[in-house]
Each structure stands twice: as C-alpha cells, then as structure tokens.
PDB file of N, CA and C in Angstrom:
ATOM      1  N   UNK A   1     -12.568  -3.109  27.340  1.00  0.00           N
ATOM      2  CA  UNK A   1     -11.366  -2.787  26.167  1.00  0.00           C
ATOM      3  C   UNK A   1     -11.098  -1.369  25.773  1.00  0.00           C
ATOM      4  N   UNK A   2     -10.062  -0.906  25.987  1.00  0.00           N
ATOM      5  CA  UNK A   2      -9.759   0.390  25.524  1.00  0.00           C
ATOM      6  C   UNK A   2      -9.183   0.750  24.117  1.00  0.00           C
ATOM      7  N   UNK A   3      -9.235   1.780  23.571  1.00  0.00           N
ATOM      8  CA  UNK A   3      -8.784   1.993  22.228  1.00  0.00           C
ATOM      9  C   UNK A   3      -7.513   2.029  22.188  1.00  0.00           C
ATOM     10  N   UNK A   4      -6.723   1.926  20.910  1.00  0.00           N
ATOM     11  CA  UNK A   4      -5.187   2.320  20.954  1.00  0.00           C
ATOM     12  C   UNK A   4      -5.021   3.814  20.847  1.00  0.00           C
ATOM     13  N   UNK A   5      -4.465   4.446  21.550  1.00  0.00           N
ATOM     14  CA  UNK A   5      -4.393   6.149  21.693  1.00  0.00           C
ATOM     15  C   UNK A   5      -2.859   6.251  21.291  1.00  0.00           C
ATOM     16  N   UNK A   6      -2.320   7.156  20.360  1.00  0.00           N
ATOM     17  CA  UNK A   6      -1.004   7.416  20.254  1.00  0.00           C
ATOM     18  C   UNK A   6      -0.549   8.155  21.397  1.00  0.00           C
ATOM     19  N   UNK A   7       0.601   8.175  21.881  1.00  0.00           N
ATOM     20  CA  UNK A   7       1.129   9.042  23.061  1.00  0.00           C
ATOM     21  C   UNK A   7       2.007  10.218  22.421  1.00  0.00           C
ATOM     22  N   UNK A   8       2.268  10.062  20.821  1.00  0.00           N
ATOM     23  CA  UNK A   8       2.702  11.512  20.354  1.00  0.00           C
ATOM     24  C   UNK A   8       2.388  11.525  18.965  1.00  0.00           C
ATOM     25  N   UNK A   9       2.049  12.600  18.385  1.00  0.00           N
ATOM     26  CA  UNK A   9       1.468  12.935  16.859  1.00  0.00           C
ATOM     27  C   UNK A   9       2.525  14.049  16.502  1.00  0.00           C
ATOM     28  N   UNK A  10       2.677  13.653  15.056  1.00  0.00           N
ATOM     29  CA  UNK A  10       3.751  14.678  14.438  1.00  0.00           C
ATOM     30  C   UNK A  10       3.179  14.581  12.754  1.00  0.00           C
ATOM     31  N   UNK A  11       3.408  15.788  12.072  1.00  0.00           N
ATOM     32  CA  UNK A  11       3.057  15.936  10.847  1.00  0.00           C
ATOM     33  C   UNK A  11       4.064  15.010  10.149  1.00  0.00           C
ATOM     34  N   UNK A  12       3.810  14.128   9.198  1.00  0.00           N
ATOM     35  CA  UNK A  12       4.666  13.505   8.527  1.00  0.00           C
ATOM     36  C   UNK A  12       5.029  13.970   7.314  1.00  0.00           C
ATOM     37  N   UNK A  13       6.163  14.485   7.183  1.00  0.00           N
ATOM     38  CA  UNK A  13       6.777  15.093   6.134  1.00  0.00           C
ATOM     39  C   UNK A  13       7.187  14.434   4.686  1.00  0.00           C
ATOM     40  N   UNK A  14       7.124  13.532   4.837  1.00  0.00           N
ATOM     41  CA  UNK A  14       7.474  12.385   3.673  1.00  0.00           C
ATOM     42  C   UNK A  14       6.298  11.783   3.014  1.00  0.00           C
ATOM     43  N   UNK A  15       4.983  12.045   3.905  1.00  0.00           N
ATOM     44  CA  UNK A  15       3.883  11.392   3.011  1.00  0.00           C
ATOM     45  C   UNK A  15       2.807  12.360   3.118  1.00  0.00           C
ATOM     46  N   UNK A  16       1.917  12.072   1.934  1.00  0.00           N
ATOM     47  CA  UNK A  16       0.439  12.754   1.871  1.00  0.00           C
ATOM     48  C   UNK A  16      -0.500  11.626   1.245  1.00  0.00           C
ATOM     49  N   UNK A  17      -1.576  12.093   1.853  1.00  0.00           N
ATOM     50  CA  UNK A  17      -2.667  11.080   1.281  1.00  0.00           C
ATOM     51  C   UNK A  17      -3.588  11.807   0.081  1.00  0.00           C
ATOM     52  N   UNK A  18      -3.591  11.107  -0.837  1.00  0.00           N
ATOM     53  CA  UNK A  18      -4.417  11.760  -1.857  1.00  0.00           C
ATOM     54  C   UNK A  18      -5.924  10.972  -2.096  1.00  0.00           C
ATOM     55  N   UNK A  19      -6.888  11.738  -2.123  1.00  0.00           N
ATOM     56  CA  UNK A  19      -8.018  11.260  -2.231  1.00  0.00           C
ATOM     57  C   UNK A  19      -8.331  10.901  -3.721  1.00  0.00           C
ATOM     58  N   UNK A  20      -8.427   9.564  -4.083  1.00  0.00           N
ATOM     59  CA  UNK A  20      -8.683   8.955  -5.377  1.00  0.00           C
ATOM     60  C   UNK A  20      -9.529   9.540  -6.311  1.00  0.00           C
ATOM     61  N   UNK A  21     -10.730   9.919  -5.665  1.00  0.00           N
ATOM     62  CA  UNK A  21     -11.856  10.267  -6.318  1.00  0.00           C
ATOM     63  C   UNK A  21     -11.419  11.953  -6.901  1.00  0.00           C
ATOM     64  N   UNK A  22     -11.015  12.814  -5.992  1.00  0.00           N
ATOM     65  CA  UNK A  22     -10.929  14.132  -6.540  1.00  0.00           C
ATOM     66  C   UNK A  22      -9.542  14.418  -6.731  1.00  0.00           C
ATOM     67  N   UNK A  23      -8.385  13.825  -6.152  1.00  0.00           N
ATOM     68  CA  UNK A  23      -7.032  14.466  -6.314  1.00  0.00           C
ATOM     69  C   UNK A  23      -6.624  15.190  -5.029  1.00  0.00           C
ATOM     70  N   UNK A  24      -7.603  15.493  -4.349  1.00  0.00           N
ATOM     71  CA  UNK A  24      -7.285  16.353  -3.128  1.00  0.00           C
ATOM     72  C   UNK A  24      -6.124  15.640  -2.160  1.00  0.00           C
ATOM     73  N   UNK A  25      -5.135  16.434  -1.744  1.00  0.00           N
ATOM     74  CA  UNK A  25      -4.093  15.893  -1.126  1.00  0.00           C
ATOM     75  C   UNK A  25      -4.258  16.498   0.660  1.00  0.00           C
ATOM     76  N   UNK A  26      -3.954  15.575   1.217  1.00  0.00           N
ATOM     77  CA  UNK A  26      -4.332  15.854   2.878  1.00  0.00           C
ATOM     78  C   UNK A  26      -2.857  15.474   3.387  1.00  0.00           C
ATOM     79  N   UNK A  27      -2.513  15.973   4.641  1.00  0.00           N
ATOM     80  CA  UNK A  27      -1.383  15.928   5.533  1.00  0.00           C
ATOM     81  C   UNK A  27      -1.799  14.484   6.100  1.00  0.00           C
ATOM     82  N   UNK A  28      -0.521  13.827   6.143  1.00  0.00           N
ATOM     83  CA  UNK A  28      -0.468  12.502   6.926  1.00  0.00           C
ATOM     84  C   UNK A  28       0.191  12.647   8.154  1.00  0.00           C
ATOM     85  N   UNK A  29      -0.188  11.838   9.217  1.00  0.00           N
ATOM     86  CA  UNK A  29       0.439  12.314  10.425  1.00  0.00           C
ATOM     87  C   UNK A  29       1.171  10.834  10.801  1.00  0.00           C
ATOM     88  N   UNK A  30       2.296  11.130  11.634  1.00  0.00           N
ATOM     89  CA  UNK A  30       3.069   9.915  12.119  1.00  0.00           C
ATOM     90  C   UNK A  30       2.604   9.947  13.590  1.00  0.00           C
ATOM     91  N   UNK A  31       2.196   8.614  14.058  1.00  0.00           N
ATOM     92  CA  UNK A  31       1.685   8.459  15.522  1.00  0.00           C
ATOM     93  C   UNK A  31       2.743   7.456  15.922  1.00  0.00           C
ATOM     94  N   UNK A  32       2.665   7.828  17.390  1.00  0.00           N
ATOM     95  CA  UNK A  32       3.838   6.754  18.350  1.00  0.00           C
ATOM     96  C   UNK A  32       2.907   6.196  19.120  1.00  0.00           C
ATOM     97  N   UNK A  33       2.706   4.855  19.251  1.00  0.00           N
ATOM     98  CA  UNK A  33       2.039   4.207  20.309  1.00  0.00           C
ATOM     99  C   UNK A  33       2.596   3.336  21.098  1.00  0.00           C
ATOM    100  N   UNK A  34       2.367   3.002  22.164  1.00  0.00           N
ATOM    101  CA  UNK A  34       3.242   2.232  23.119  1.00  0.00           C
ATOM    102  C   UNK A  34       3.507   0.774  22.660  1.00  0.00           C
ATOM    103  N   UNK A  35       4.217   0.383  23.162  1.00  0.00           N
ATOM    104  CA  UNK A  35       4.890  -1.137  22.482  1.00  0.00           C
ATOM    105  C   UNK A  35       3.447  -2.227  22.758  1.00  0.00           C
ATOM    106  N   UNK A  36       2.626  -2.083  23.734  1.00  0.00           N
ATOM    107  CA  UNK A  36       1.493  -2.844  23.940  1.00  0.00           C
ATOM    108  C   UNK A  36       0.510  -2.483  22.776  1.00  0.00           C
ATOM    109  N   UNK A  37       0.104  -1.339  22.531  1.00  0.00           N
ATOM    110  CA  UNK A  37      -0.783  -0.833  21.727  1.00  0.00           C
ATOM    111  C   UNK A  37      -0.349  -1.213  20.233  1.00  0.00           C
ATOM    112  N   UNK A  38       0.846  -1.223  19.868  1.00  0.00           N
ATOM    113  CA  UNK A  38       1.634  -1.572  18.616  1.00  0.00           C
ATOM    114  C   UNK A  38       1.130  -2.900  18.444  1.00  0.00           C
ATOM    115  N   UNK A  39       1.257  -3.932  19.478  1.00  0.00           N
ATOM    116  CA  UNK A  39       0.969  -5.321  19.550  1.00  0.00           C
ATOM    117  C   UNK A  39      -0.276  -5.616  19.431  1.00  0.00           C
ATOM    118  N   UNK A  40      -1.326  -4.935  19.558  1.00  0.00           N
ATOM    119  CA  UNK A  40      -2.775  -4.866  19.672  1.00  0.00           C
ATOM    120  C   UNK A  40      -3.079  -4.676  18.330  1.00  0.00           C
ATOM    121  N   UNK A  41      -2.413  -3.663  17.533  1.00  0.00           N
ATOM    122  CA  UNK A  41      -2.915  -3.248  16.201  1.00  0.00           C
ATOM    123  C   UNK A  41      -2.297  -4.313  15.167  1.00  0.00           C
ATOM    124  N   UNK A  42      -1.093  -4.502  15.513  1.00  0.00           N
ATOM    125  CA  UNK A  42      -0.457  -5.668  14.647  1.00  0.00           C
ATOM    126  C   UNK A  42      -1.471  -6.940  14.499  1.00  0.00           C
ATOM    127  N   UNK A  43      -2.057  -7.427  15.970  1.00  0.00           N
ATOM    128  CA  UNK A  43      -2.621  -8.666  16.316  1.00  0.00           C
ATOM    129  C   UNK A  43      -4.269  -8.302  15.609  1.00  0.00           C
ATOM    130  N   UNK A  44      -4.558  -7.156  15.089  1.00  0.00           N
ATOM    131  CA  UNK A  44      -5.915  -7.007  14.650  1.00  0.00           C
ATOM    132  C   UNK A  44      -6.653  -6.679  15.751  1.00  0.00           C
ATOM    133  N   UNK A  45      -6.408  -6.442  16.872  1.00  0.00           N
ATOM    134  CA  UNK A  45      -7.286  -6.114  17.995  1.00  0.00           C
ATOM    135  C   UNK A  45      -7.921  -4.885  17.984  1.00  0.00           C
ATOM    136  N   UNK A  46      -6.972  -4.059  17.407  1.00  0.00           N
ATOM    137  CA  UNK A  46      -7.236  -2.769  17.397  1.00  0.00           C
ATOM    138  C   UNK A  46      -7.493  -2.077  15.838  1.00  0.00           C
ATOM    139  N   UNK A  47      -8.026  -0.992  15.652  1.00  0.00           N
ATOM    140  CA  UNK A  47      -8.139  -0.591  14.252  1.00  0.00           C
ATOM    141  C   UNK A  47      -6.770   0.360  13.875  1.00  0.00           C
ATOM    142  N   UNK A  48      -6.264   0.069  12.778  1.00  0.00           N
ATOM    143  CA  UNK A  48      -5.235   0.959  12.541  1.00  0.00           C
ATOM    144  C   UNK A  48      -5.530   2.550  11.962  1.00  0.00           C
ATOM    145  N   UNK A  49      -6.951   2.502  11.541  1.00  0.00           N
ATOM    146  CA  UNK A  49      -7.428   3.835  11.350  1.00  0.00           C
ATOM    147  C   UNK A  49      -7.661   4.793  12.559  1.00  0.00           C
ATOM    148  N   UNK A  50      -8.672   4.126  13.121  1.00  0.00           N
ATOM    149  CA  UNK A  50      -9.230   4.773  14.404  1.00  0.00           C
ATOM    150  C   UNK A  50      -8.767   4.534  15.774  1.00  0.00           C
ATOM    151  N   UNK A  51      -8.133   3.161  15.924  1.00  0.00           N
ATOM    152  CA  UNK A  51      -7.665   2.703  17.328  1.00  0.00           C
ATOM    153  C   UNK A  51      -8.766   2.119  18.097  1.00  0.00           C
ATOM    154  N   UNK A  52     -10.166   1.869  17.338  1.00  0.00           N
ATOM    155  CA  UNK A  52     -11.119   1.485  18.032  1.00  0.00           C
ATOM    156  C   UNK A  52     -10.635  -0.124  18.360  1.00  0.00           C
ATOM    157  N   UNK A  53     -10.851  -0.468  19.638  1.00  0.00           N
ATOM    158  CA  UNK A  53     -10.825  -2.030  20.146  1.00  0.00           C
ATOM    159  C   UNK A  53     -11.562  -2.884  19.863  1.00  0.00           C
ATOM    160  N   UNK A  54     -11.441  -4.360  19.572  1.00  0.00           N
ATOM    161  CA  UNK A  54     -12.349  -5.129  18.770  1.00  0.00           C
ATOM    162  C   UNK A  54     -12.325  -6.665  19.859  1.00  0.00           C
ATOM    163  N   UNK A  55     -13.085  -7.308  19.974  1.00  0.00           N
ATOM    164  CA  UNK A  55     -13.101  -8.397  20.992  1.00  0.00           C
ATOM    165  C   UNK A  55     -12.696  -9.663  20.129  1.00  0.00           C
ATOM    166  N   UNK A  56     -12.709  -9.723  18.729  1.00  0.00           N
ATOM    167  CA  UNK A  56     -12.003 -10.618  17.811  1.00  0.00           C
ATOM    168  C   UNK A  56     -10.931  -9.884  16.936  1.00  0.00           C
ATOM    169  N   UNK A  57     -10.113 -10.644  16.604  1.00  0.00           N
ATOM    170  CA  UNK A  57      -9.129 -10.177  15.641  1.00  0.00           C
ATOM    171  C   UNK A  57      -9.711 -10.185  14.309  1.00  0.00           C
ATOM    172  N   UNK A  58      -9.084  -8.901  13.453  1.00  0.00           N
ATOM    173  CA  UNK A  58      -9.500  -8.797  12.299  1.00  0.00           C
ATOM    174  C   UNK A  58     -10.781  -8.888  11.948  1.00  0.00           C
ATOM    175  N   UNK A  59     -11.880  -8.143  12.385  1.00  0.00           N
ATOM    176  CA  UNK A  59     -13.294  -8.231  12.020  1.00  0.00           C
ATOM    177  C   UNK A  59     -13.292  -7.759  10.677  1.00  0.00           C
ATOM    178  N   UNK A  60     -14.208  -8.058   9.853  1.00  0.00           N
ATOM    179  CA  UNK A  60     -14.508  -7.657   8.579  1.00  0.00           C
ATOM    180  C   UNK A  60     -14.467  -6.239   8.281  1.00  0.00           C
ATOM    181  N   UNK A  61     -15.015  -5.357   8.961  1.00  0.00           N
ATOM    182  CA  UNK A  61     -15.016  -3.713   9.101  1.00  0.00           C
ATOM    183  C   UNK A  61     -15.037  -3.301  10.399  1.00  0.00           C
ATOM    184  N   UNK A  62     -14.411  -2.136  10.709  1.00  0.00           N
ATOM    185  CA  UNK A  62     -14.473  -1.330  11.886  1.00  0.00           C
ATOM    186  C   UNK A  62     -15.794  -0.721  12.070  1.00  0.00           C
ATOM    187  N   UNK A  63     -15.904  -0.077  13.015  1.00  0.00           N
ATOM    188  CA  UNK A  63     -17.055   0.915  13.079  1.00  0.00           C
ATOM    189  C   UNK A  63     -16.966   2.152  12.331  1.00  0.00           C
ATOM    190  N   UNK A  64     -15.628   2.472  12.162  1.00  0.00           N
ATOM    191  CA  UNK A  64     -15.099   3.734  11.314  1.00  0.00           C
ATOM    192  C   UNK A  64     -15.049   3.088   9.689  1.00  0.00           C
ATOM    193  N   UNK A  65     -15.440   2.182   9.457  1.00  0.00           N
ATOM    194  CA  UNK A  65     -16.020   1.523   8.014  1.00  0.00           C
ATOM    195  C   UNK A  65     -14.446   0.976   7.331  1.00  0.00           C
ATOM    196  N   UNK A  66     -13.022   0.920   8.059  1.00  0.00           N
ATOM    197  CA  UNK A  66     -12.144   0.388   7.458  1.00  0.00           C
ATOM    198  C   UNK A  66     -12.270  -1.055   7.253  1.00  0.00           C
ATOM    199  N   UNK A  67     -11.863  -1.638   6.094  1.00  0.00           N
ATOM    200  CA  UNK A  67     -11.968  -2.882   5.974  1.00  0.00           C
ATOM    201  C   UNK A  67     -10.596  -3.597   6.685  1.00  0.00           C
ATOM    202  N   UNK A  68     -10.794  -3.966   8.035  1.00  0.00           N
ATOM    203  CA  UNK A  68      -9.735  -4.497   8.740  1.00  0.00           C
ATOM    204  C   UNK A  68      -9.528  -5.917   8.255  1.00  0.00           C
ATOM    205  N   UNK A  69     -10.216  -6.830   7.829  1.00  0.00           N
ATOM    206  CA  UNK A  69     -10.010  -8.159   7.361  1.00  0.00           C
ATOM    207  C   UNK A  69      -9.203  -8.143   6.497  1.00  0.00           C
ATOM    208  N   UNK A  70      -9.347  -7.405   5.342  1.00  0.00           N
ATOM    209  CA  UNK A  70      -8.817  -7.207   4.081  1.00  0.00           C
ATOM    210  C   UNK A  70      -7.502  -6.337   4.009  1.00  0.00           C
ATOM    211  N   UNK A  71      -7.704  -5.357   5.039  1.00  0.00           N
ATOM    212  CA  UNK A  71      -6.481  -4.451   4.644  1.00  0.00           C
ATOM    213  C   UNK A  71      -5.373  -4.061   5.574  1.00  0.00           C
ATOM    214  N   UNK A  72      -5.823  -4.438   6.917  1.00  0.00           N
ATOM    215  CA  UNK A  72      -4.896  -4.019   8.143  1.00  0.00           C
ATOM    216  C   UNK A  72      -3.672  -4.580   8.128  1.00  0.00           C
ATOM    217  N   UNK A  73      -3.630  -5.759   7.997  1.00  0.00           N
ATOM    218  CA  UNK A  73      -2.124  -6.286   7.962  1.00  0.00           C
ATOM    219  C   UNK A  73      -1.028  -5.750   6.779  1.00  0.00           C
ATOM    220  N   UNK A  74      -1.658  -5.517   5.596  1.00  0.00           N
ATOM    221  CA  UNK A  74      -0.918  -4.714   4.803  1.00  0.00           C
ATOM    222  C   UNK A  74      -0.781  -3.355   5.021  1.00  0.00           C
ATOM    223  N   UNK A  75      -1.556  -2.619   5.553  1.00  0.00           N
ATOM    224  CA  UNK A  75      -1.265  -1.452   6.034  1.00  0.00           C
ATOM    225  C   UNK A  75      -0.400  -1.084   7.028  1.00  0.00           C
ATOM    226  N   UNK A  76      -0.355  -2.184   8.116  1.00  0.00           N
ATOM    227  CA  UNK A  76       0.506  -2.251   9.302  1.00  0.00           C
ATOM    228  C   UNK A  76       1.922  -2.103   8.590  1.00  0.00           C
ATOM    229  N   UNK A  77       2.091  -3.372   7.495  1.00  0.00           N
ATOM    230  CA  UNK A  77       3.451  -3.510   7.063  1.00  0.00           C
ATOM    231  C   UNK A  77       3.864  -2.093   6.341  1.00  0.00           C
ATOM    232  N   UNK A  78       3.129  -1.727   5.610  1.00  0.00           N
ATOM    233  CA  UNK A  78       3.781  -0.570   4.972  1.00  0.00           C
ATOM    234  C   UNK A  78       3.786   0.680   5.884  1.00  0.00           C
ATOM    235  N   UNK A  79       3.272   0.868   6.987  1.00  0.00           N
ATOM    236  CA  UNK A  79       3.447   2.044   7.912  1.00  0.00           C
ATOM    237  C   UNK A  79       4.292   1.995   9.162  1.00  0.00           C
ATOM    238  N   UNK A  80       4.394   0.753   9.500  1.00  0.00           N
ATOM    239  CA  UNK A  80       5.070   0.534  10.760  1.00  0.00           C
ATOM    240  C   UNK A  80       6.509   0.797  10.593  1.00  0.00           C
ATOM    241  N   UNK A  81       7.217   1.559  11.351  1.00  0.00           N
ATOM    242  CA  UNK A  81       8.661   2.098  11.031  1.00  0.00           C
ATOM    243  C   UNK A  81       9.599   1.625  12.039  1.00  0.00           C
ATOM    244  N   UNK A  82       9.101   0.675  13.088  1.00  0.00           N
ATOM    245  CA  UNK A  82       9.926   0.197  14.219  1.00  0.00           C
ATOM    246  C   UNK A  82       9.588   1.022  15.417  1.00  0.00           C
ATOM    247  N   UNK A  83      10.243   0.336  16.532  1.00  0.00           N
ATOM    248  CA  UNK A  83      10.154   0.861  17.827  1.00  0.00           C
ATOM    249  C   UNK A  83      11.013   2.139  17.877  1.00  0.00           C
ATOM    250  N   UNK A  84      10.752   2.803  18.907  1.00  0.00           N
ATOM    251  CA  UNK A  84      11.292   4.246  19.068  1.00  0.00           C
ATOM    252  C   UNK A  84      11.630   4.741  20.830  1.00  0.00           C
ATOM    253  N   UNK A  85      12.303   5.185  21.039  1.00  0.00           N
ATOM    254  CA  UNK A  85      12.298   5.657  22.681  1.00  0.00           C
ATOM    255  C   UNK A  85      12.061   7.070  22.491  1.00  0.00           C
ATOM    256  N   UNK A  86      11.070   7.358  23.444  1.00  0.00           N
ATOM    257  CA  UNK A  86      10.476   8.858  23.605  1.00  0.00           C
ATOM    258  C   UNK A  86      11.031   9.233  25.142  1.00  0.00           C
ATOM    259  N   UNK A  87      11.891  10.419  25.079  1.00  0.00           N
ATOM    260  CA  UNK A  87      12.717  11.079  26.223  1.00  0.00           C
ATOM    261  C   UNK A  87      13.983  10.817  26.392  1.00  0.00           C
ATOM    262  N   UNK A  88      14.543  11.140  27.274  1.00  0.00           N
ATOM    263  CA  UNK A  88      16.186  10.853  27.027  1.00  0.00           C
ATOM    264  C   UNK A  88      16.764   9.562  27.076  1.00  0.00           C
ATOM    265  N   UNK A  89      17.923   9.712  26.228  1.00  0.00           N
ATOM    266  CA  UNK A  89      18.297   8.154  26.050  1.00  0.00           C
ATOM    267  C   UNK A  89      19.476   7.732  26.954  1.00  0.00           C
ATOM    268  N   UNK A  90      19.390   8.493  28.005  1.00  0.00           N
ATOM    269  CA  UNK A  90      20.207   8.090  29.166  1.00  0.00           C
ATOM    270  C   UNK A  90      19.356   7.620  30.397  1.00  0.00           C
ATOM    271  N   UNK A  91      19.706   6.794  31.274  1.00  0.00           N
ATOM    272  CA  UNK A  91      18.792   6.410  32.538  1.00  0.00           C
ATOM    273  C   UNK A  91      18.817   7.427  33.467  1.00  0.00           C
ATOM    274  N   UNK A  92      17.743   7.325  34.298  1.00  0.00           N
ATOM    275  CA  UNK A  92      17.747   8.327  35.326  1.00  0.00           C
ATOM    276  C   UNK A  92      19.027   8.373  36.331  1.00  0.00           C
ATOM    277  N   UNK A  93      19.764   7.090  36.516  1.00  0.00           N
ATOM    278  CA  UNK A  93      20.741   7.101  37.274  1.00  0.00           C
ATOM    279  C   UNK A  93      22.130   8.030  36.651  1.00  0.00           C
ATOM    280  N   UNK A  94      22.013   7.749  35.153  1.00  0.00           N
ATOM    281  CA  UNK A  94      23.287   8.603  34.494  1.00  0.00           C
ATOM    282  C   UNK A  94      22.737  10.229  34.710  1.00  0.00           C
ATOM    283  N   UNK A  95      21.480  10.817  34.704  1.00  0.00           N
ATOM    284  CA  UNK A  95      21.403  11.656  34.552  1.00  0.00           C
ATOM    285  C   UNK A  95      21.577  12.426  35.942  1.00  0.00           C
ATOM    286  N   UNK A  96      21.136  11.550  37.079  1.00  0.00           N
ATOM    287  CA  UNK A  96      21.356  11.949  38.417  1.00  0.00           C
ATOM    288  C   UNK A  96      23.045  11.987  38.648  1.00  0.00           C
ATOM    289  N   UNK A  97      23.667  11.147  38.345  1.00  0.00           N
ATOM    290  CA  UNK A  97      25.372  11.310  38.412  1.00  0.00           C
ATOM    291  C   UNK A  97      25.918  12.317  37.736  1.00  0.00           C
ATOM    292  N   UNK A  98      25.437  12.887  36.563  1.00  0.00           N
ATOM    293  CA  UNK A  98      25.610  14.080  35.760  1.00  0.00           C
ATOM    294  C   UNK A  98      25.391  15.352  36.850  1.00  0.00           C
ATOM    295  N   UNK A  99      24.136  15.335  37.239  1.00  0.00           N
ATOM    296  CA  UNK A  99      23.660  16.313  37.867  1.00  0.00           C
ATOM    297  C   UNK A  99      24.641  16.575  38.934  1.00  0.00           C
ATOM    298  N   UNK A 100      24.924  15.683  40.014  1.00  0.00           N
ATOM    299  CA  UNK A 100      25.866  15.534  41.172  1.00  0.00           C
ATOM    300  C   UNK A 100      27.085  16.097  40.750  1.00  0.00           C
ATOM    301  N   UNK A 101      27.856  15.653  39.586  1.00  0.00           N
ATOM    302  CA  UNK A 101      28.864  16.178  39.046  1.00  0.00           C
ATOM    303  C   UNK A 101      28.957  17.619  38.738  1.00  0.00           C
ATOM    304  N   UNK A 102      27.907  18.193  38.221  1.00  0.00           N
ATOM    305  CA  UNK A 102      27.880  19.565  37.864  1.00  0.00           C
ATOM    306  C   UNK A 102      27.797  20.395  39.174  1.00  0.00           C
ATOM    307  N   UNK A 103      26.935  19.787  40.128  1.00  0.00           N
ATOM    308  CA  UNK A 103      27.122  20.460  41.360  1.00  0.00           C
ATOM    309  C   UNK A 103      28.219  20.718  42.329  1.00  0.00           C
ATOM    310  N   UNK A 104      29.020  19.378  42.077  1.00  0.00           N
ATOM    311  CA  UNK A 104      30.132  19.135  42.659  1.00  0.00           C
ATOM    312  C   UNK A 104      31.310  20.264  42.087  1.00  0.00           C
ATOM    313  N   UNK A 105      31.202  20.090  40.585  1.00  0.00           N
ATOM    314  CA  UNK A 105      32.056  21.311  39.945  1.00  0.00           C
ATOM    315  C   UNK A 105      31.582  22.939  40.461  1.00  0.00           C
ATOM    316  N   UNK A 106      30.421  23.150  40.593  1.00  0.00           N
ATOM    317  CA  UNK A 106      30.127  24.252  41.054  1.00  0.00           C
ATOM    318  C   UNK A 106      30.614  24.902  42.478  1.00  0.00           C
ATOM    319  N   UNK A 107      30.583  23.757  43.338  1.00  0.00           N
ATOM    320  CA  UNK A 107      30.737  23.869  44.528  1.00  0.00           C
ATOM    321  C   UNK A 107      32.345  24.233  44.658  1.00  0.00           C
ATOM    322  N   UNK A 108      32.963  23.442  43.666  1.00  0.00           N
ATOM    323  CA  UNK A 108      34.446  23.354  44.089  1.00  0.00           C
ATOM    324  C   UNK A 108      35.016  24.814  43.434  1.00  0.00           C
ATOM    325  N   UNK A 109      34.181  25.308  42.548  1.00  0.00           N
ATOM    326  CA  UNK A 109      34.689  26.715  41.879  1.00  0.00           C
ATOM    327  C   UNK A 109      34.474  27.615  42.978  1.00  0.00           C
ATOM    328  N   UNK A 110      33.243  27.817  43.668  1.00  0.00           N
ATOM    329  CA  UNK A 110      32.939  28.554  44.549  1.00  0.00           C
ATOM    330  C   UNK A 110      33.975  28.434  45.881  1.00  0.00           C
ATOM    331  N   UNK A 111      34.553  27.268  46.231  1.00  0.00           N
ATOM    332  CA  UNK A 111      35.098  27.153  47.386  1.00  0.00           C
ATOM    333  C   UNK A 111      36.704  27.588  46.904  1.00  0.00           C
ATOM    334  N   UNK A 112      37.337  27.248  45.917  1.00  0.00           N
ATOM    335  CA  UNK A 112      38.726  27.263  45.518  1.00  0.00           C
ATOM    336  C   UNK A 112      38.628  28.222  44.075  1.00  0.00           C
ATOM    337  N   UNK A 113      38.302  29.387  44.159  1.00  0.00           N
ATOM    338  CA  UNK A 113      38.363  30.072  42.639  1.00  0.00           C
ATOM    339  C   UNK A 113      39.622  30.473  42.064  1.00  0.00           C
ATOM    340  N   UNK A 114      40.867  30.358  42.856  1.00  0.00           N
ATOM    341  CA  UNK A 114      41.792  30.356  42.133  1.00  0.00           C
ATOM    342  C   UNK A 114      42.480  29.468  41.251  1.00  0.00           C
ATOM    343  N   UNK A 115      41.972  28.289  41.488  1.00  0.00           N
ATOM    344  CA  UNK A 115      42.470  27.023  40.560  1.00  0.00           C
ATOM    345  C   UNK A 115      41.366  26.674  39.596  1.00  0.00           C
ATOM    346  N   UNK A 116      41.820  26.217  38.353  1.00  0.00           N
ATOM    347  CA  UNK A 116      40.694  25.522  37.328  1.00  0.00           C
ATOM    348  C   UNK A 116      40.768  24.359  37.267  1.00  0.00           C
ATOM    349  N   UNK A 117      41.736  23.584  38.004  1.00  0.00           N
ATOM    350  CA  UNK A 117      41.903  22.288  37.902  1.00  0.00           C
ATOM    351  C   UNK A 117      40.811  21.407  39.044  1.00  0.00           C
ATOM    352  N   UNK A 118      40.053  20.699  38.332  1.00  0.00           N
ATOM    353  CA  UNK A 118      38.768  20.114  39.290  1.00  0.00           C
ATOM    354  C   UNK A 118      39.177  18.480  38.995  1.00  0.00           C
ATOM    355  N   UNK A 119      39.462  17.669  40.332  1.00  0.00           N
ATOM    356  CA  UNK A 119      39.399  16.453  40.260  1.00  0.00           C
ATOM    357  C   UNK A 119      37.981  15.674  40.836  1.00  0.00           C
ATOM    358  N   UNK A 120      37.647  14.775  40.516  1.00  0.00           N
ATOM    359  CA  UNK A 120      36.328  14.107  40.788  1.00  0.00           C
ATOM    360  C   UNK A 120      36.474  13.482  42.038  1.00  0.00           C
ATOM    361  N   UNK A 121      35.538  13.527  42.886  1.00  0.00           N
ATOM    362  CA  UNK A 121      35.671  13.038  44.238  1.00  0.00           C
ATOM    363  C   UNK A 121      36.611  13.888  45.168  1.00  0.00           C
ATOM    364  N   UNK A 122      36.993  14.989  44.912  1.00  0.00           N
ATOM    365  CA  UNK A 122      37.934  15.838  45.797  1.00  0.00           C
ATOM    366  C   UNK A 122      37.033  16.916  46.620  1.00  0.00           C
TER     367      UNK A 122
END
C-alpha cells in the first residue's frame, strides 16, 4: 500500500489554520491529488492529514494522531473542492494540429512574401 501523495501543492490564500490553544495562525495549503487517491481518502483508506495508507477503512486514529474514524468524512466534505484538470485543456491532437497550422503559415510567408492572404491547405 502506498500513501496518497499530492501531485501539486499551492498556498491557500483563502484559509488559515488557527491553533485553538495559542491563537497562532498557520498557512494552509491546497493540495491536488489524482482521482484514484481522492477516492482512497474519501473511502477512509488514506489519512486526509498525512496521506498514510491503511488496510481498513476509517481506523480509529492514524499514525499521525488524526482521529480518522471521528473526523475524516467531515473534513473531506469541508475541504474537497471538486475535480480539476492539470495541464493544457486541449488534447494533444488539437495541439499538434495548431502546431502544424503555425508551421504552414510560416512556410507560406517564406515562399510568398508579397501576399498576406493565407489559405489553409494551400
């Protein structure tokens, strides 16, 4: 069993963590996980605090001390912001076609510099 590891981490500018004993404020981080790891965290097989993997769902506590059985589902509901896409929103095929079109435009400009009209496929 492997732990759930974030694929991207950013400082969360909308939240801070406050220590209730001292009032100290700490930076919160937004972590992005694969869809598979999100499912494992949601199902209670990985700790939402440290990512540690567990053989059984929602054990009483994680090795980091987080009370998974009591608080994991609630914390997941509060913090999960939905699925997102990392990387280009266009497919590789679309990017390749765009690249080929740019190359064709450049080739046309070199071959016929007197005209600014470009016809695709010409």
